Amino acid sequence: MFKIAVIGTGYVGLVAGTCFAETGNHVICVDVDEEKVKKLSSGIMTIFEPGLEVLFKRNLREERLRFTTDLKIAVEQSELIFLALPTPPSEDGSADLKYVISAAKEIGKLLNGYKIIVNKSTVPVGTAEKVRDAVAEYAKHEFDVVSNPEFLREGVAVDDFLKPERVVIGSSSPKATELMKQLYEPFVRQGNPILVMDERSAELTKYAANAMLALKISFMNEVANLCERVGANVDMVRRGIGTDSRIGKQFLYAGVGYGGSCFPKDVQALIKTSEEYHYDFKILKSVEAVNHAQKHTIIKKMEAYFGGSEKLKGKRFALWGLSFKPNTDDIREAPSLVVIEELLKRGASLAAFDPEAIENVRKLYNGKIIFTASQYDALVDADALIIVTEWNEFRNPDFNKIKRTLKEPLIFDGRNVYDIEKMKQLGFKYFSIGRPVVS
């Protein structure tokens, strides 16, 4: 049993703290937001993540998990201190480390014995050294700094944490490495590896992994755009290449681009790191450019159908899906926000539905678009349906009800949710990504 402090109760911090408690450790989570700490201490979740609430409430009830605003208590009562703080992109795309470094300095002042300070946040190469320097500025006790990047996918983060494909530990300290291996041993009983490496390699591993996945997405979106030009079907192409074991089936689905808290930020940060070391990372710059353009794909299809940008003025559209992906309420860098912004600029109106993300979008567009209680309510008086997020409840809707409610049976599908032959049989005009148009 370890005594653990997790600094930051955002997405990574809350998942990590809860899952560490689930394996019998005593965890103190720290946040400067008093209202958030009050809610969490009372058993009220502050993020949506499938499967997390049950573990959260159980460990809170069994007193293995607690929350505080008092960093001093957390540091003094813990052996391992995980930094799960935001590293938002600066204007130039680099990761802003002000929260991480500030916390490191405060921890240095509070050390009351040997501690392992773990960077759990996604941070640029060299951050472990910066954290070490920041702590050392004030520390009067021995400590080690470890890089331990997270590889959590929103929507399945609990499984990812409890059953990781691999655990990466970046450390130059044998003592810290051994303790970290003991901490993670319960999570890898099925034989998945704990990979020990230097801190800089661990930091770069996280960025490289996300950049590679972003690359696959942007590549397939480019293939989809080519499919439309040559009359091919991206679904067929995806199956043709996805069965090649060297390529794999994952992240080959065409759509309106990636979003979320990781891929956009990490691609930008890796580009910035490359520039700092005088390397022109051409492929990643292209990945980012393709993704930016892809988020406007639906708008271009709508303009082509209705006869130009000015023809969208006065139109009303139903929008299904606001979160950047299913099974989360996260709207950071979500393609839906680009669709909303571009349609509002053109004078269109929108009625939107999402199972989880409405309140987050309402904060940005309250009074500017309509939010509905059900997916079908959004269709009323709409000139077309736009699908931006592939939630499961959108996959088998009442198509007859959709046809009856829309002004015309017209769908712009940014996630290729429906079979084009079925849409043809049902009598829809159906525009998707990289597939033949049904009209």
Protein backbone atom coordinates (compact mmCIF):
# COMPACT_ATOMS: atom_id res chain seq x y z
CA MET A 1 0.00 0.00 0.00
CA PHE A 2 1.36 3.39 -1.05
CA LYS A 3 0.42 6.83 0.19
CA ILE A 4 -0.16 8.94 -2.89
CA ALA A 5 -0.92 12.58 -3.59
CA VAL A 6 -2.40 13.61 -6.93
CA ILE A 7 -2.10 17.32 -7.66
CA GLY A 8 -4.92 18.35 -9.97
CA THR A 9 -8.41 16.82 -10.19
CA GLY A 10 -9.05 17.26 -13.87
CA TYR A 11 -9.58 14.36 -16.24
CA VAL A 12 -6.21 12.67 -15.74
CA GLY A 13 -5.94 13.43 -12.02
CA LEU A 14 -9.37 12.14 -11.08
CA VAL A 15 -9.05 8.95 -13.12
CA ALA A 16 -5.53 8.28 -11.81
CA GLY A 17 -6.40 9.02 -8.19
CA THR A 18 -9.50 6.83 -8.26
CA CYS A 19 -7.76 3.92 -9.98
CA PHE A 20 -4.76 4.04 -7.63
CA ALA A 21 -7.20 3.92 -4.71
CA GLU A 22 -8.98 0.98 -6.31
CA THR A 23 -5.83 -1.16 -5.88
CA GLY A 24 -5.67 -0.45 -2.15
CA ASN A 25 -3.55 2.68 -2.01
CA HIS A 26 -4.45 5.72 0.08
CA VAL A 27 -4.85 8.72 -2.21
CA ILE A 28 -5.19 12.43 -1.47
CA CYS A 29 -6.26 14.54 -4.45
CA VAL A 30 -5.48 18.25 -4.32
CA ASP A 31 -7.09 21.12 -6.20
CA VAL A 32 -7.14 24.89 -5.77
CA ASP A 33 -10.84 25.02 -6.73
CA GLU A 34 -12.68 24.91 -3.41
CA GLU A 35 -16.07 24.32 -5.00
CA LYS A 36 -14.77 21.36 -7.01
CA VAL A 37 -13.13 19.84 -3.91
CA LYS A 38 -16.37 20.29 -1.98
CA LYS A 39 -18.35 18.49 -4.69
CA LEU A 40 -15.87 15.63 -4.98
CA SER A 41 -15.70 15.19 -1.21
CA SER A 42 -19.49 14.93 -1.22
CA GLY A 43 -19.45 12.21 -3.87
CA ILE A 44 -20.43 14.43 -6.81
CA MET A 45 -18.53 13.69 -10.02
CA THR A 46 -17.11 16.67 -11.90
CA ILE A 47 -16.37 14.87 -15.20
CA PHE A 48 -18.22 12.28 -17.25
CA GLU A 49 -16.29 9.07 -17.84
CA PRO A 50 -18.02 5.68 -18.19
CA GLY A 51 -17.28 3.32 -15.28
CA LEU A 52 -15.51 5.90 -13.14
CA GLU A 53 -18.33 6.93 -10.82
CA VAL A 54 -18.77 3.46 -9.29
CA LEU A 55 -15.07 3.23 -8.40
CA PHE A 56 -14.98 6.84 -7.25
CA LYS A 57 -17.87 6.43 -4.82
CA ARG A 58 -16.64 3.08 -3.50
CA ASN A 59 -13.16 4.36 -2.69
CA LEU A 60 -14.52 7.58 -1.24
CA ARG A 61 -16.81 5.53 1.01
CA GLU A 62 -13.98 3.24 2.08
CA GLU A 63 -11.80 6.29 2.82
CA ARG A 64 -9.01 5.35 0.44
CA LEU A 65 -9.76 8.44 -1.63
CA ARG A 66 -10.09 11.96 -0.29
CA PHE A 67 -9.90 15.52 -1.56
CA THR A 68 -8.40 18.71 -0.20
CA THR A 69 -7.22 22.19 -1.12
CA ASP A 70 -4.35 21.88 1.36
CA LEU A 71 -1.17 21.02 -0.54
CA LYS A 72 0.84 20.89 2.68
CA ILE A 73 -1.21 18.02 4.10
CA ALA A 74 -1.04 16.11 0.83
CA VAL A 75 2.75 16.45 0.49
CA GLU A 76 3.53 15.62 4.11
CA GLN A 77 1.29 12.54 4.15
CA SER A 78 2.42 11.04 0.83
CA GLU A 79 5.34 9.06 -0.56
CA LEU A 80 4.57 9.60 -4.22
CA ILE A 81 3.31 12.92 -5.57
CA PHE A 82 1.73 12.87 -9.03
CA LEU A 83 1.49 16.10 -10.99
CA ALA A 84 -1.69 15.93 -13.09
CA LEU A 85 -1.91 19.59 -13.93
CA PRO A 86 -3.02 21.30 -17.14
CA THR A 87 -0.38 22.11 -19.75
CA PRO A 88 -2.45 24.27 -22.14
CA PRO A 89 -0.99 25.39 -25.46
CA SER A 90 0.56 28.84 -25.54
CA GLU A 91 -0.07 31.15 -28.49
CA ASP A 92 2.93 29.68 -30.31
CA GLY A 93 1.75 26.09 -29.75
CA SER A 94 4.24 25.22 -27.01
CA ALA A 95 2.99 23.63 -23.80
CA ASP A 96 2.56 26.13 -20.97
CA LEU A 97 4.30 24.69 -17.90
CA LYS A 98 3.44 27.46 -15.44
CA TYR A 99 1.10 25.28 -13.36
CA VAL A 100 3.58 22.39 -13.25
CA ILE A 101 6.56 24.54 -12.28
CA SER A 102 4.57 26.54 -9.74
CA ALA A 103 3.40 23.33 -8.05
CA ALA A 104 6.96 21.95 -8.10
CA LYS A 105 8.26 24.99 -6.26
CA GLU A 106 5.54 24.74 -3.62
CA ILE A 107 6.22 21.02 -3.17
CA GLY A 108 9.92 21.80 -2.69
CA LYS A 109 9.07 24.12 0.18
CA LEU A 110 6.87 21.46 1.83
CA LEU A 111 9.05 18.35 1.61
CA ASN A 112 9.35 16.62 4.97
CA GLY A 113 11.28 13.56 3.81
CA TYR A 114 12.13 11.55 0.69
CA LYS A 115 9.47 11.84 -2.02
CA ILE A 116 9.03 10.73 -5.60
CA ILE A 117 7.55 13.50 -7.74
CA VAL A 118 5.91 12.10 -10.85
CA ASN A 119 5.03 14.03 -14.00
CA LYS A 120 1.74 12.47 -15.09
CA SER A 121 0.76 15.42 -17.29
CA THR A 122 1.79 15.43 -20.93
CA VAL A 123 4.88 17.62 -20.90
CA PRO A 124 7.63 18.57 -23.38
CA VAL A 125 11.05 16.96 -23.47
CA GLY A 126 13.19 18.33 -20.67
CA THR A 127 10.35 19.01 -18.22
CA ALA A 128 11.62 16.48 -15.67
CA GLU A 129 14.81 18.50 -15.41
CA LYS A 130 12.86 21.75 -15.01
CA VAL A 131 10.72 20.20 -12.28
CA ARG A 132 13.83 18.84 -10.57
CA ASP A 133 15.40 22.31 -10.60
CA ALA A 134 12.20 23.96 -9.33
CA VAL A 135 11.89 21.54 -6.40
CA ALA A 136 15.60 21.70 -5.60
CA GLU A 137 15.42 25.48 -5.32
CA TYR A 138 13.63 25.05 -1.97
CA ALA A 139 13.96 21.38 -0.95
CA LYS A 140 15.82 20.39 2.21
CA HIS A 141 15.19 16.66 1.75
CA GLU A 142 16.06 14.06 -0.86
CA PHE A 143 13.67 13.55 -3.76
CA ASP A 144 13.46 12.03 -7.24
CA VAL A 145 11.55 13.17 -10.32
CA VAL A 146 9.98 10.57 -12.61
CA SER A 147 8.24 10.88 -15.98
CA ASN A 148 5.19 8.61 -16.14
CA PRO A 149 3.02 9.69 -19.10
CA GLU A 150 -0.61 8.64 -19.25
CA PHE A 151 -2.14 6.91 -22.27
CA LEU A 152 -5.83 7.29 -21.45
CA ARG A 153 -8.55 7.38 -24.10
CA GLU A 154 -11.57 9.37 -23.06
CA GLY A 155 -14.59 7.08 -22.92
CA VAL A 156 -12.54 4.02 -21.93
CA ALA A 157 -10.08 5.63 -19.52
CA VAL A 158 -10.88 3.36 -16.58
CA ASP A 159 -10.04 0.22 -18.55
CA ASP A 160 -6.96 1.91 -19.99
CA PHE A 161 -5.69 2.71 -16.50
CA LEU A 162 -6.58 -0.56 -14.81
CA LYS A 163 -5.43 -2.72 -17.76
CA PRO A 164 -2.72 -0.70 -19.54
CA GLU A 165 -1.09 -2.02 -22.71
CA ARG A 166 2.17 -0.71 -21.27
CA VAL A 167 3.41 1.47 -18.45
CA VAL A 168 6.21 3.90 -19.26
CA ILE A 169 8.55 4.95 -16.43
CA GLY A 170 11.19 7.54 -17.17
CA SER A 171 13.70 7.59 -14.35
CA SER A 172 17.43 7.77 -13.67
CA SER A 173 16.97 6.67 -10.04
CA PRO A 174 17.05 2.93 -9.25
CA LYS A 175 15.21 3.60 -5.98
CA ALA A 176 12.39 5.56 -7.63
CA THR A 177 12.19 3.05 -10.49
CA GLU A 178 11.74 0.12 -8.12
CA LEU A 179 8.98 1.85 -6.16
CA MET A 180 7.17 2.85 -9.35
CA LYS A 181 7.34 -0.74 -10.61
CA GLN A 182 5.84 -1.95 -7.32
CA LEU A 183 3.04 0.63 -7.63
CA TYR A 184 2.09 -0.52 -11.12
CA GLU A 185 2.59 -4.26 -10.63
CA PRO A 186 -1.14 -4.88 -9.83
CA PHE A 187 -2.12 -3.28 -13.15
CA VAL A 188 0.05 -5.53 -15.36
CA ARG A 189 -0.59 -8.99 -13.95
CA GLN A 190 -1.57 -10.24 -17.42
CA GLY A 191 2.00 -9.69 -18.58
CA ASN A 192 1.87 -6.30 -20.28
CA PRO A 193 5.24 -4.56 -20.00
CA ILE A 194 6.54 -1.90 -17.68
CA LEU A 195 9.01 -0.02 -19.86
CA VAL A 196 11.82 1.72 -18.01
CA MET A 197 13.75 4.41 -19.86
CA ASP A 198 15.35 7.80 -19.35
CA GLU A 199 13.10 10.78 -18.58
CA ARG A 200 13.49 12.48 -21.96
CA SER A 201 12.60 9.33 -23.88
CA ALA A 202 9.50 8.85 -21.71
CA GLU A 203 8.41 12.43 -22.32
CA LEU A 204 8.87 12.08 -26.07
CA THR A 205 7.13 8.69 -26.14
CA LYS A 206 3.80 10.28 -25.20
CA TYR A 207 4.02 12.96 -27.88
CA ALA A 208 5.22 10.49 -30.50
CA ALA A 209 2.35 8.08 -29.76
CA ASN A 210 -0.34 10.73 -30.09
CA ALA A 211 1.32 12.25 -33.15
CA MET A 212 1.37 8.85 -34.88
CA LEU A 213 -2.34 8.33 -34.19
CA ALA A 214 -3.13 11.84 -35.42
CA LEU A 215 -1.10 11.04 -38.52
CA LYS A 216 -3.22 7.96 -39.25
CA ILE A 217 -6.43 9.98 -38.90
CA SER A 218 -5.27 12.81 -41.16
CA PHE A 219 -3.89 10.35 -43.70
CA MET A 220 -7.24 8.56 -43.96
CA ASN A 221 -9.07 11.85 -44.26
CA GLU A 222 -6.83 12.74 -47.19
CA VAL A 223 -7.54 9.32 -48.70
CA ALA A 224 -11.27 9.96 -48.20
CA ASN A 225 -11.03 13.29 -50.00
CA LEU A 226 -9.25 11.56 -52.88
CA CYS A 227 -11.93 8.84 -52.92
CA GLU A 228 -14.55 11.49 -53.59
CA ARG A 229 -12.55 12.80 -56.55
CA VAL A 230 -11.91 9.41 -58.17
CA GLY A 231 -15.25 7.76 -57.35
CA ALA A 232 -13.92 5.26 -54.81
CA ASN A 233 -15.40 4.32 -51.42
CA VAL A 234 -13.22 4.99 -48.39
CA ASP A 235 -14.94 2.20 -46.45
CA MET A 236 -13.66 -0.32 -48.97
CA VAL A 237 -10.18 1.22 -48.95
CA ARG A 238 -10.11 1.18 -45.14
CA ARG A 239 -10.94 -2.52 -45.06
CA GLY A 240 -8.39 -3.21 -47.75
CA ILE A 241 -5.51 -1.65 -45.86
CA GLY A 242 -6.71 -2.27 -42.29
CA THR A 243 -6.36 -6.03 -42.64
CA ASP A 244 -2.63 -5.56 -43.23
CA SER A 245 -1.10 -6.35 -39.83
CA ARG A 246 1.64 -3.79 -40.47
CA ILE A 247 -1.00 -1.05 -40.61
CA GLY A 248 -3.78 -2.27 -38.31
CA LYS A 249 -7.49 -1.46 -38.18
CA GLN A 250 -7.54 1.33 -35.62
CA PHE A 251 -7.69 5.07 -36.38
CA LEU A 252 -8.50 4.51 -40.06
CA TYR A 253 -12.03 5.92 -40.02
CA ALA A 254 -12.58 8.98 -42.19
CA GLY A 255 -14.49 11.91 -40.76
CA VAL A 256 -14.44 15.61 -39.96
CA GLY A 257 -11.15 15.57 -38.12
CA TYR A 258 -9.84 14.87 -34.64
CA GLY A 259 -10.30 17.00 -31.54
CA GLY A 260 -10.06 16.63 -27.77
CA SER A 261 -7.48 17.55 -25.19
CA CYS A 262 -4.60 15.45 -26.53
CA PHE A 263 -4.08 15.17 -30.28
CA PRO A 264 -4.35 18.86 -31.27
CA LYS A 265 -2.32 20.08 -28.29
CA ASP A 266 0.32 17.37 -28.51
CA VAL A 267 0.86 17.73 -32.25
CA GLN A 268 1.33 21.48 -31.82
CA ALA A 269 3.68 20.99 -28.88
CA LEU A 270 5.83 18.45 -30.71
CA ILE A 271 6.09 20.80 -33.70
CA LYS A 272 7.18 23.56 -31.32
CA THR A 273 9.74 21.31 -29.62
CA SER A 274 11.14 20.40 -33.04
CA GLU A 275 11.49 24.08 -33.93
CA GLU A 276 13.29 24.76 -30.66
CA TYR A 277 15.83 22.12 -31.66
CA HIS A 278 16.02 23.50 -35.23
CA TYR A 279 14.25 20.58 -36.88
CA ASP A 280 11.50 21.09 -39.47
CA PHE A 281 8.93 18.35 -38.72
CA LYS A 282 7.18 18.56 -42.11
CA ILE A 283 4.89 15.57 -41.68
CA LEU A 284 3.40 16.86 -38.43
CA LYS A 285 2.81 20.30 -39.89
CA SER A 286 0.87 18.62 -42.68
CA VAL A 287 -1.10 16.54 -40.17
CA GLU A 288 -2.21 19.70 -38.41
CA ALA A 289 -3.07 21.50 -41.65
CA VAL A 290 -5.11 18.56 -42.94
CA ASN A 291 -7.03 18.31 -39.69
CA HIS A 292 -7.83 22.01 -39.68
CA ALA A 293 -9.16 21.82 -43.25
CA GLN A 294 -11.11 18.62 -42.57
CA LYS A 295 -13.24 20.30 -39.90
CA HIS A 296 -14.69 22.51 -42.67
CA THR A 297 -15.58 19.59 -44.95
CA ILE A 298 -19.24 19.42 -43.94
CA ILE A 299 -19.71 23.15 -44.51
CA LYS A 300 -18.30 22.86 -48.03
CA LYS A 301 -20.67 20.00 -48.81
CA MET A 302 -23.62 22.01 -47.53
CA GLU A 303 -22.64 25.06 -49.56
CA ALA A 304 -22.35 22.92 -52.69
CA TYR A 305 -25.79 21.39 -52.12
CA PHE A 306 -27.64 24.60 -51.31
CA GLY A 307 -25.91 26.66 -54.01
CA GLY A 308 -23.38 28.77 -52.16
CA SER A 309 -22.50 30.26 -48.82
CA GLU A 310 -25.15 32.96 -49.01
CA LYS A 311 -27.88 30.34 -49.53
CA LEU A 312 -27.34 29.02 -45.97
CA LYS A 313 -28.69 32.27 -44.53
CA GLY A 314 -32.05 31.72 -42.90
CA LYS A 315 -31.73 27.94 -43.02
CA ARG A 316 -32.22 25.88 -39.87
CA PHE A 317 -30.15 22.79 -39.19
CA ALA A 318 -30.31 19.96 -36.67
CA LEU A 319 -26.93 19.04 -35.17
CA TRP A 320 -26.39 15.64 -33.58
CA GLY A 321 -23.23 15.39 -31.52
CA LEU A 322 -21.20 18.09 -29.76
CA SER A 323 -18.43 16.26 -27.89
CA PHE A 324 -15.21 15.61 -29.81
CA LYS A 325 -15.87 11.85 -29.60
CA PRO A 326 -18.55 9.55 -28.08
CA ASN A 327 -18.69 8.66 -24.37
CA THR A 328 -17.31 11.94 -23.10
CA ASP A 329 -18.53 15.47 -22.42
CA ASP A 330 -15.23 16.96 -23.61
CA ILE A 331 -15.62 19.62 -26.31
CA ARG A 332 -12.01 20.79 -26.50
CA GLU A 333 -11.08 21.28 -30.18
CA ALA A 334 -14.34 19.51 -31.13
CA PRO A 335 -15.24 19.65 -34.86
CA SER A 336 -18.79 20.54 -33.81
CA LEU A 337 -17.58 23.95 -32.65
CA VAL A 338 -16.21 24.72 -36.12
CA VAL A 339 -19.50 23.64 -37.71
CA ILE A 340 -21.49 25.81 -35.29
CA GLU A 341 -19.24 28.84 -35.78
CA GLU A 342 -19.23 28.61 -39.57
CA LEU A 343 -22.99 28.16 -39.86
CA LEU A 344 -23.71 31.05 -37.51
CA LYS A 345 -21.39 33.25 -39.59
CA ARG A 346 -23.45 32.39 -42.64
CA GLY A 347 -26.70 33.36 -40.93
CA ALA A 348 -28.06 29.86 -40.31
CA SER A 349 -29.75 28.74 -37.08
CA LEU A 350 -29.07 25.51 -35.20
CA ALA A 351 -30.84 23.11 -32.86
CA ALA A 352 -28.35 20.78 -31.21
CA PHE A 353 -28.43 17.58 -29.18
CA ASP A 354 -25.72 15.59 -27.42
CA PRO A 355 -26.14 12.99 -24.65
CA GLU A 356 -23.47 14.57 -22.39
CA ALA A 357 -21.86 17.72 -23.76
CA ILE A 358 -24.77 20.19 -23.98
CA GLU A 359 -23.92 22.08 -20.80
CA ASN A 360 -20.32 22.60 -21.88
CA VAL A 361 -21.40 24.00 -25.25
CA ARG A 362 -24.15 26.09 -23.66
CA LYS A 363 -21.42 28.05 -21.84
CA LEU A 364 -20.08 29.11 -25.25
CA TYR A 365 -23.27 29.53 -27.26
CA ASN A 366 -26.08 30.18 -24.79
CA GLY A 367 -28.77 32.15 -26.61
CA LYS A 368 -27.09 31.67 -29.99
CA ILE A 369 -28.26 28.12 -30.71
CA ILE A 370 -31.09 25.96 -29.40
CA PHE A 371 -30.37 22.91 -27.24
CA THR A 372 -32.97 20.16 -27.27
CA ALA A 373 -33.94 17.44 -24.80
CA SER A 374 -33.85 14.67 -27.41
CA GLN A 375 -32.23 14.00 -30.75
CA TYR A 376 -35.60 14.07 -32.51
CA ASP A 377 -36.63 17.43 -31.04
CA ALA A 378 -33.66 18.96 -32.85
CA LEU A 379 -35.14 17.91 -36.20
CA VAL A 380 -38.28 20.05 -35.95
CA ASP A 381 -38.42 22.60 -38.83
CA ALA A 382 -34.84 21.71 -39.82
CA ASP A 383 -33.71 21.86 -43.44
CA ALA A 384 -31.17 19.08 -42.85
CA LEU A 385 -29.56 16.91 -40.20
CA ILE A 386 -25.83 17.18 -39.53
CA ILE A 387 -24.04 14.39 -37.63
CA VAL A 388 -20.70 15.31 -36.07
CA THR A 389 -20.23 12.77 -33.26
CA GLU A 390 -20.91 9.04 -33.65
CA TRP A 391 -22.75 8.35 -30.38
CA ASN A 392 -24.24 4.85 -30.30
CA GLU A 393 -27.79 6.18 -29.96
CA PHE A 394 -27.42 7.82 -33.36
CA ARG A 395 -26.54 4.56 -35.13
CA ASN A 396 -30.00 3.00 -35.25
CA PRO A 397 -32.49 5.86 -35.15
CA ASP A 398 -36.12 5.90 -36.28
CA PHE A 399 -35.45 6.83 -39.90
CA ASN A 400 -39.15 7.21 -40.66
CA LYS A 401 -39.42 9.76 -37.86
CA ILE A 402 -36.40 11.60 -39.23
CA LYS A 403 -38.00 11.76 -42.69
CA ARG A 404 -41.34 12.93 -41.31
CA THR A 405 -39.78 15.66 -39.19
CA LEU A 406 -37.15 17.17 -41.50
CA LYS A 407 -38.31 19.54 -44.23
CA GLU A 408 -36.64 17.18 -46.69
CA PRO A 409 -34.86 13.83 -46.11
CA LEU A 410 -31.37 15.34 -46.15
CA ILE A 411 -28.41 14.25 -43.98
CA PHE A 412 -24.81 15.47 -43.87
CA ASP A 413 -22.90 12.78 -42.00
CA GLY A 414 -19.44 13.74 -40.80
CA ARG A 415 -18.72 10.33 -39.24
CA ASN A 416 -20.02 7.86 -41.88
CA VAL A 417 -22.48 6.43 -39.38
CA TYR A 418 -24.94 4.92 -41.89
CA ASP A 419 -24.71 2.42 -44.73
CA ILE A 420 -25.06 4.21 -48.04
CA GLU A 421 -27.13 1.44 -49.65
CA LYS A 422 -29.59 1.55 -46.76
CA MET A 423 -29.89 5.31 -47.04
CA LYS A 424 -30.61 4.94 -50.74
CA GLN A 425 -33.36 2.40 -50.04
CA LEU A 426 -34.88 4.66 -47.40
CA GLY A 427 -35.03 7.57 -49.81
CA PHE A 428 -32.57 9.94 -48.13
CA LYS A 429 -30.26 12.45 -49.74
CA TYR A 430 -27.10 11.48 -47.92
CA PHE A 431 -23.68 13.09 -47.94
CA SER A 432 -20.83 11.42 -46.04
CA ILE A 433 -17.01 11.50 -46.09
CA GLY A 434 -15.10 9.75 -48.88
CA ARG A 435 -18.10 7.72 -50.07
CA PRO A 436 -20.53 8.02 -53.00
CA VAL A 437 -23.30 10.58 -52.59
CA VAL A 438 -26.83 9.26 -52.21
CA SER A 439 -29.29 11.63 -53.89
